[in-house]
């Protein structure tokens, strides 16, 4: 499975730095799923959160789940690395 950042929207509010759209594609099946709403945060280190929705109690619930926390961490690291590539390509004229 290939994981690719396809868009970034800057939106700064406290630790929130923006929203990332990610495409998950599988060359064997030809299926591609594009998911917006990953959130990029930074307070010293930067981190990524999976998309979530507001629940009936006023909290947030993830809309994407992994069975293993190590898998979730690995996916987030892949996305952060590809986000660096995306931003470098997208904003190369401004650097």
N, C-alpha and C. Protein backbone atom coordinates (compact mmCIF):
# COMPACT_ATOMS: atom_id res chain seq x y z
N UNK A 1 0.85 -1.17 0.00
CA UNK A 1 0.00 0.00 0.00
C UNK A 1 0.89 1.23 0.00
N UNK A 2 0.53 2.18 -0.83
CA UNK A 2 1.26 3.44 -0.91
C UNK A 2 0.46 4.52 -0.20
N UNK A 3 1.15 5.33 0.60
CA UNK A 3 0.52 6.42 1.35
C UNK A 3 1.13 7.72 0.84
N UNK A 4 0.27 8.63 0.34
CA UNK A 4 0.74 9.86 -0.27
C UNK A 4 -0.07 11.05 0.22
N UNK A 5 0.62 12.12 0.60
CA UNK A 5 -0.05 13.37 0.95
C UNK A 5 -0.44 14.05 -0.36
N UNK A 6 -1.72 14.42 -0.47
CA UNK A 6 -2.20 15.05 -1.70
C UNK A 6 -2.60 16.51 -1.51
N UNK A 7 -2.71 16.97 -0.26
CA UNK A 7 -3.07 18.36 -0.03
C UNK A 7 -2.76 18.74 1.42
N UNK A 8 -2.47 20.02 1.62
CA UNK A 8 -2.28 20.56 2.96
C UNK A 8 -2.92 21.93 3.00
N UNK A 9 -3.76 22.15 4.01
CA UNK A 9 -4.39 23.45 4.21
C UNK A 9 -3.91 24.01 5.54
N UNK A 10 -3.21 25.13 5.46
CA UNK A 10 -2.69 25.75 6.67
C UNK A 10 -3.84 26.37 7.46
N UNK A 11 -3.86 26.08 8.75
CA UNK A 11 -4.88 26.63 9.65
C UNK A 11 -4.29 26.61 11.05
N UNK A 12 -3.91 27.77 11.55
CA UNK A 12 -3.23 27.82 12.84
C UNK A 12 -4.19 28.23 13.95
N UNK A 13 -4.21 27.39 15.00
CA UNK A 13 -5.03 27.64 16.19
C UNK A 13 -4.41 26.83 17.33
N UNK A 14 -3.74 27.51 18.26
CA UNK A 14 -2.99 26.84 19.33
C UNK A 14 -1.97 25.89 18.72
N UNK A 15 -2.03 24.59 19.05
CA UNK A 15 -1.05 23.65 18.50
C UNK A 15 -1.41 23.21 17.08
N UNK A 16 -2.64 23.41 16.65
CA UNK A 16 -3.07 23.01 15.30
C UNK A 16 -2.37 23.87 14.26
N UNK A 17 -1.76 23.21 13.29
CA UNK A 17 -1.05 23.92 12.22
C UNK A 17 -1.72 23.76 10.86
N UNK A 18 -2.59 22.77 10.73
CA UNK A 18 -3.27 22.60 9.45
C UNK A 18 -3.89 21.24 9.28
N UNK A 19 -4.50 21.07 8.10
CA UNK A 19 -5.21 19.84 7.77
C UNK A 19 -4.53 19.17 6.58
N UNK A 20 -4.37 17.87 6.67
CA UNK A 20 -3.66 17.09 5.67
C UNK A 20 -4.64 16.12 5.02
N UNK A 21 -4.60 16.07 3.68
CA UNK A 21 -5.37 15.06 2.94
C UNK A 21 -4.40 13.99 2.48
N UNK A 22 -4.78 12.73 2.71
CA UNK A 22 -3.90 11.61 2.43
C UNK A 22 -4.61 10.61 1.52
N UNK A 23 -3.86 10.09 0.57
CA UNK A 23 -4.36 9.06 -0.34
C UNK A 23 -3.68 7.74 -0.02
N UNK A 24 -4.50 6.71 0.16
CA UNK A 24 -4.01 5.35 0.38
C UNK A 24 -4.33 4.58 -0.90
N UNK A 25 -3.31 4.06 -1.58
CA UNK A 25 -3.57 3.34 -2.83
C UNK A 25 -2.89 1.97 -2.80
N UNK A 26 -3.52 1.05 -3.49
CA UNK A 26 -3.04 -0.32 -3.56
C UNK A 26 -2.90 -0.68 -5.03
N UNK A 27 -1.68 -0.94 -5.48
CA UNK A 27 -1.44 -1.22 -6.90
C UNK A 27 -2.02 -2.56 -7.34
N UNK A 28 -2.22 -3.48 -6.42
CA UNK A 28 -2.75 -4.79 -6.79
C UNK A 28 -4.23 -4.70 -7.14
N UNK A 29 -5.01 -4.06 -6.27
CA UNK A 29 -6.45 -3.97 -6.52
C UNK A 29 -6.82 -2.76 -7.36
N UNK A 30 -5.91 -1.77 -7.42
CA UNK A 30 -6.21 -0.54 -8.14
C UNK A 30 -7.08 0.42 -7.33
N UNK A 31 -7.36 0.07 -6.09
CA UNK A 31 -8.22 0.90 -5.25
C UNK A 31 -7.42 2.06 -4.66
N UNK A 32 -8.05 3.21 -4.61
CA UNK A 32 -7.45 4.38 -3.96
C UNK A 32 -8.50 5.02 -3.06
N UNK A 33 -8.11 5.30 -1.83
CA UNK A 33 -9.00 5.96 -0.88
C UNK A 33 -8.31 7.25 -0.46
N UNK A 34 -9.02 8.37 -0.63
CA UNK A 34 -8.48 9.66 -0.23
C UNK A 34 -9.25 10.14 0.99
N UNK A 35 -8.51 10.47 2.04
CA UNK A 35 -9.13 10.84 3.30
C UNK A 35 -8.63 12.22 3.74
N UNK A 36 -9.52 13.20 3.81
CA UNK A 36 -9.14 14.51 4.34
C UNK A 36 -9.28 14.51 5.86
N UNK A 37 -8.74 15.52 6.50
CA UNK A 37 -9.02 15.72 7.91
C UNK A 37 -7.98 15.25 8.89
N UNK A 38 -6.83 14.74 8.40
CA UNK A 38 -5.74 14.48 9.32
C UNK A 38 -5.29 15.84 9.83
N UNK A 39 -4.97 15.95 11.11
CA UNK A 39 -4.57 17.25 11.65
C UNK A 39 -3.10 17.23 12.05
N UNK A 40 -2.40 18.29 11.65
CA UNK A 40 -1.00 18.46 11.99
C UNK A 40 -0.91 19.42 13.16
N UNK A 41 -0.16 19.03 14.19
CA UNK A 41 0.01 19.84 15.39
C UNK A 41 1.49 20.06 15.65
N UNK A 42 1.81 21.14 16.35
CA UNK A 42 3.19 21.36 16.74
C UNK A 42 3.25 22.18 18.01
N UNK A 43 4.00 21.66 18.95
CA UNK A 43 4.37 22.37 20.18
C UNK A 43 5.72 21.79 20.55
N UNK A 44 6.77 22.38 19.99
CA UNK A 44 8.08 21.75 20.04
C UNK A 44 8.13 20.70 18.95
N UNK A 45 7.84 19.45 19.30
CA UNK A 45 7.74 18.38 18.29
C UNK A 45 6.43 18.52 17.54
N UNK A 46 6.37 17.95 16.36
CA UNK A 46 5.11 17.96 15.64
C UNK A 46 4.51 16.55 15.65
N UNK A 47 3.20 16.49 15.55
CA UNK A 47 2.52 15.21 15.54
C UNK A 47 1.29 15.30 14.67
N UNK A 48 0.77 14.15 14.33
CA UNK A 48 -0.38 14.03 13.43
C UNK A 48 -1.47 13.27 14.14
N UNK A 49 -2.69 13.68 13.96
CA UNK A 49 -3.84 12.96 14.51
C UNK A 49 -4.72 12.47 13.37
N UNK A 50 -5.27 11.28 13.54
CA UNK A 50 -6.22 10.75 12.57
C UNK A 50 -7.49 11.59 12.58
N UNK A 51 -8.24 11.61 11.47
CA UNK A 51 -9.50 12.36 11.44
C UNK A 51 -10.45 11.91 12.55
N UNK A 52 -11.23 12.86 13.06
CA UNK A 52 -12.19 12.55 14.11
C UNK A 52 -13.45 13.37 13.88
N UNK A 53 -14.48 13.01 14.63
CA UNK A 53 -15.74 13.76 14.55
C UNK A 53 -16.22 14.05 15.96
N UNK A 54 -17.00 15.09 16.07
CA UNK A 54 -17.57 15.48 17.35
C UNK A 54 -18.64 14.47 17.74
N UNK A 55 -18.55 13.96 18.97
CA UNK A 55 -19.56 13.00 19.42
C UNK A 55 -20.65 13.72 20.22
N UNK A 56 -21.66 12.98 20.63
CA UNK A 56 -22.82 13.57 21.31
C UNK A 56 -22.49 14.13 22.69
N UNK A 57 -21.33 13.74 23.24
CA UNK A 57 -20.93 14.24 24.56
C UNK A 57 -20.01 15.45 24.49
N UNK A 58 -19.77 15.94 23.28
CA UNK A 58 -18.91 17.10 23.10
C UNK A 58 -17.44 16.77 22.98
N UNK A 59 -17.12 15.48 22.95
CA UNK A 59 -15.74 15.05 22.75
C UNK A 59 -15.52 14.66 21.30
N UNK A 60 -14.35 14.16 21.00
CA UNK A 60 -14.03 13.74 19.65
C UNK A 60 -13.79 12.24 19.59
N UNK A 61 -14.25 11.63 18.51
CA UNK A 61 -14.10 10.20 18.28
C UNK A 61 -13.38 10.00 16.96
N UNK A 62 -12.35 9.16 16.94
CA UNK A 62 -11.64 8.86 15.70
C UNK A 62 -12.59 8.21 14.70
N UNK A 63 -12.38 8.50 13.43
CA UNK A 63 -13.17 7.85 12.38
C UNK A 63 -12.34 6.82 11.60
N UNK A 64 -11.05 6.75 11.92
CA UNK A 64 -10.16 5.74 11.35
C UNK A 64 -9.46 5.06 12.53
N UNK A 65 -9.43 3.74 12.49
CA UNK A 65 -8.85 2.99 13.59
C UNK A 65 -7.79 2.01 13.08
N UNK A 66 -6.81 1.72 13.91
CA UNK A 66 -5.88 0.63 13.65
C UNK A 66 -5.99 -0.33 14.83
N UNK A 67 -5.72 -1.60 14.57
CA UNK A 67 -5.80 -2.59 15.64
C UNK A 67 -4.58 -2.56 16.54
N UNK A 68 -3.49 -2.04 16.01
CA UNK A 68 -2.23 -2.04 16.74
C UNK A 68 -1.68 -0.62 16.77
N UNK A 69 -1.37 -0.12 17.96
CA UNK A 69 -0.84 1.25 18.11
C UNK A 69 0.46 1.44 17.34
N UNK A 70 1.25 0.36 17.20
CA UNK A 70 2.50 0.46 16.43
C UNK A 70 2.21 0.75 14.98
N UNK A 71 1.14 0.14 14.44
CA UNK A 71 0.75 0.41 13.05
C UNK A 71 0.34 1.87 12.89
N UNK A 72 -0.43 2.37 13.85
CA UNK A 72 -0.87 3.77 13.80
C UNK A 72 0.33 4.71 13.82
N UNK A 73 1.29 4.42 14.68
CA UNK A 73 2.49 5.26 14.77
C UNK A 73 3.27 5.22 13.46
N UNK A 74 3.40 4.04 12.87
CA UNK A 74 4.13 3.90 11.62
C UNK A 74 3.43 4.66 10.49
N UNK A 75 2.10 4.56 10.41
CA UNK A 75 1.34 5.28 9.39
C UNK A 75 1.53 6.79 9.56
N UNK A 76 1.46 7.27 10.79
CA UNK A 76 1.64 8.70 11.05
C UNK A 76 3.05 9.15 10.65
N UNK A 77 4.07 8.34 10.94
CA UNK A 77 5.43 8.69 10.55
C UNK A 77 5.59 8.75 9.03
N UNK A 78 4.97 7.81 8.32
CA UNK A 78 5.02 7.81 6.86
C UNK A 78 4.35 9.08 6.32
N UNK A 79 3.20 9.44 6.89
CA UNK A 79 2.50 10.64 6.45
C UNK A 79 3.33 11.89 6.72
N UNK A 80 3.93 12.00 7.90
CA UNK A 80 4.76 13.17 8.21
C UNK A 80 5.94 13.28 7.25
N UNK A 81 6.56 12.17 6.94
CA UNK A 81 7.69 12.18 6.00
C UNK A 81 7.21 12.63 4.61
N UNK A 82 6.07 12.11 4.17
CA UNK A 82 5.57 12.50 2.85
C UNK A 82 5.05 13.94 2.86
N UNK A 83 4.58 14.42 4.01
CA UNK A 83 4.17 15.82 4.11
C UNK A 83 5.36 16.73 3.88
N UNK A 84 6.53 16.37 4.39
CA UNK A 84 7.74 17.15 4.13
C UNK A 84 8.01 17.22 2.64
N UNK A 85 7.89 16.09 1.95
CA UNK A 85 8.09 16.05 0.50
C UNK A 85 7.08 16.95 -0.20
N UNK A 86 5.80 16.83 0.19
CA UNK A 86 4.73 17.60 -0.43
C UNK A 86 4.97 19.10 -0.25
N UNK A 87 5.29 19.52 0.96
CA UNK A 87 5.51 20.95 1.23
C UNK A 87 6.72 21.47 0.49
N UNK A 88 7.76 20.68 0.39
CA UNK A 88 8.96 21.08 -0.35
C UNK A 88 8.62 21.31 -1.81
N UNK A 89 7.85 20.40 -2.42
CA UNK A 89 7.46 20.53 -3.82
C UNK A 89 6.48 21.68 -4.03
N UNK A 90 5.52 21.79 -3.13
CA UNK A 90 4.45 22.78 -3.28
C UNK A 90 4.95 24.21 -3.08
N UNK A 91 5.89 24.38 -2.17
CA UNK A 91 6.34 25.73 -1.82
C UNK A 91 7.81 25.97 -2.18
N UNK A 92 8.34 25.24 -3.14
CA UNK A 92 9.75 25.37 -3.49
C UNK A 92 10.12 26.79 -3.97
N UNK A 93 9.18 27.49 -4.57
CA UNK A 93 9.46 28.84 -5.04
C UNK A 93 9.55 29.84 -3.89
N UNK A 94 8.97 29.50 -2.73
CA UNK A 94 8.94 30.41 -1.60
C UNK A 94 10.09 30.18 -0.63
N UNK A 95 10.85 29.11 -0.85
CA UNK A 95 11.95 28.76 0.08
C UNK A 95 13.22 29.46 -0.34
